[in-house]
C-alpha atoms as a PDB file:
ATOM      1  CA  MET A   1      -0.015   0.004  -0.022  1.00  0.00           C
ATOM      2  CA  ALA A   2       1.388   3.438  -0.934  1.00  0.00           C
ATOM      3  CA  ARG A   3       1.639   5.692   2.065  1.00  0.00           C
ATOM      4  CA  GLY A   4       2.245   9.444   1.984  1.00  0.00           C
ATOM      5  CA  LYS A   5       0.821  12.165  -0.023  1.00  0.00           C
ATOM      6  CA  ASN A   6      -1.182  11.844  -3.207  1.00  0.00           C
ATOM      7  CA  HIS A   7      -1.974  15.197  -4.685  1.00  0.00           C
ATOM      8  CA  VAL A   8      -5.503  15.576  -5.942  1.00  0.00           C
ATOM      9  CA  GLY A   9      -4.756  18.011  -8.774  1.00  0.00           C
ATOM     10  CA  LEU A  10      -8.306  19.455  -9.223  1.00  0.00           C
ATOM     11  CA  GLU A  11      -8.080  22.557  -7.032  1.00  0.00           C
ATOM     12  CA  THR A  12      -8.799  24.994  -9.876  1.00  0.00           C
ATOM     13  CA  LEU A  13     -12.275  23.677 -10.903  1.00  0.00           C
ATOM     14  CA  ARG A  14     -14.999  26.265 -10.162  1.00  0.00           C
ATOM     15  CA  ASN A  15     -18.313  25.005  -8.783  1.00  0.00           C
ATOM     16  CA  PHE A  16     -16.869  21.555  -8.034  1.00  0.00           C
ATOM     17  CA  ASN A  17     -16.258  20.586  -4.405  1.00  0.00           C
ATOM     18  CA  VAL A  18     -13.269  18.373  -4.807  1.00  0.00           C
ATOM     19  CA  ARG A  19     -13.133  17.462  -1.081  1.00  0.00           C
ATOM     20  CA  ALA A  20     -16.701  16.475  -0.968  1.00  0.00           C
ATOM     21  CA  LYS A  21     -16.350  14.327  -4.074  1.00  0.00           C
ATOM     22  CA  VAL A  22     -13.280  12.486  -2.674  1.00  0.00           C
ATOM     23  CA  VAL A  23     -14.761  11.981   0.824  1.00  0.00           C
ATOM     24  CA  GLY A  24     -18.180  10.885  -0.393  1.00  0.00           C
ATOM     25  CA  PRO A  25     -21.552  11.111   1.217  1.00  0.00           C
ATOM     26  CA  THR A  26     -21.172  11.162   4.989  1.00  0.00           C
ATOM     27  CA  GLY A  27     -17.428  10.186   4.455  1.00  0.00           C
ATOM     28  CA  MET A  28     -18.286   6.738   3.014  1.00  0.00           C
ATOM     29  CA  PHE A  29     -15.542   6.671   0.296  1.00  0.00           C
ATOM     30  CA  VAL A  30     -12.869   7.443   2.801  1.00  0.00           C
ATOM     31  CA  LYS A  31     -14.304   5.027   5.438  1.00  0.00           C
ATOM     32  CA  TYR A  32     -14.391   2.334   2.791  1.00  0.00           C
ATOM     33  CA  ILE A  33     -10.789   2.817   1.722  1.00  0.00           C
ATOM     34  CA  GLN A  34      -9.660   2.809   5.420  1.00  0.00           C
ATOM     35  CA  GLN A  35     -11.504  -0.357   6.134  1.00  0.00           C
ATOM     36  CA  GLU A  36     -10.340  -2.159   3.020  1.00  0.00           C
ATOM     37  CA  THR A  37      -6.721  -1.134   3.421  1.00  0.00           C
ATOM     38  CA  GLY A  38      -6.137  -0.723   7.167  1.00  0.00           C
ATOM     39  CA  THR A  39      -4.827   2.778   6.692  1.00  0.00           C
ATOM     40  CA  ARG A  40      -5.947   6.179   7.896  1.00  0.00           C
ATOM     41  CA  VAL A  41      -6.947   8.530   5.046  1.00  0.00           C
ATOM     42  CA  GLN A  42      -7.220  12.301   5.516  1.00  0.00           C
ATOM     43  CA  ILE A  43      -7.794  15.117   3.100  1.00  0.00           C
ATOM     44  CA  LYS A  44      -5.263  17.921   3.777  1.00  0.00           C
ATOM     45  CA  GLY A  45      -3.923  21.034   2.133  1.00  0.00           C
ATOM     46  CA  GLN A  46      -5.555  24.282   0.679  1.00  0.00           C
ATOM     47  CA  GLY A  47      -9.391  23.957   0.537  1.00  0.00           C
ATOM     48  CA  SER A  48      -9.478  20.786   2.592  1.00  0.00           C
ATOM     49  CA  GLY A  49     -10.754  22.259   5.782  1.00  0.00           C
ATOM     50  CA  TYR A  50      -8.271  20.231   7.737  1.00  0.00           C
ATOM     51  CA  LEU A  51      -6.499  22.408  10.302  1.00  0.00           C
ATOM     52  CA  ASP A  52      -2.998  21.552  11.568  1.00  0.00           C
ATOM     53  CA  ASN A  53      -2.884  20.936  15.317  1.00  0.00           C
ATOM     54  CA  GLU A  54       0.275  23.103  15.678  1.00  0.00           C
ATOM     55  CA  THR A  55      -0.682  26.070  13.579  1.00  0.00           C
ATOM     56  CA  GLY A  56      -4.467  26.033  13.679  1.00  0.00           C
ATOM     57  CA  ARG A  57      -4.501  26.610   9.924  1.00  0.00           C
ATOM     58  CA  GLU A  58      -4.676  24.715   6.720  1.00  0.00           C
ATOM     59  CA  SER A  59      -1.457  23.700   5.028  1.00  0.00           C
ATOM     60  CA  GLU A  60      -0.190  25.993   2.248  1.00  0.00           C
ATOM     61  CA  GLU A  61       0.360  22.820   0.048  1.00  0.00           C
ATOM     62  CA  PRO A  62      -2.089  21.988  -2.676  1.00  0.00           C
ATOM     63  CA  MET A  63      -4.917  19.661  -1.544  1.00  0.00           C
ATOM     64  CA  HIS A  64      -3.786  16.124  -1.201  1.00  0.00           C
ATOM     65  CA  ILE A  65      -4.875  12.792   0.219  1.00  0.00           C
ATOM     66  CA  HIS A  66      -2.639  11.783   3.168  1.00  0.00           C
ATOM     67  CA  ILE A  67      -2.507   8.098   3.837  1.00  0.00           C
ATOM     68  CA  SER A  68      -0.840   6.650   6.908  1.00  0.00           C
END
């Protein structure tokens, strides 16, 4: 299983919520991936809504899927 960052690459599309499409309804896509692979999946970076514990802000990196 590949672990690390996988950049989404769709940040510039207007009227298309990339994070919502990746996460799925009520988080079901991410939950499924986590259950099937035994990994933790998080959407991080610009526009993700994920706030870093240390800074309290989103990362300045492009949106990416973080797998650990």
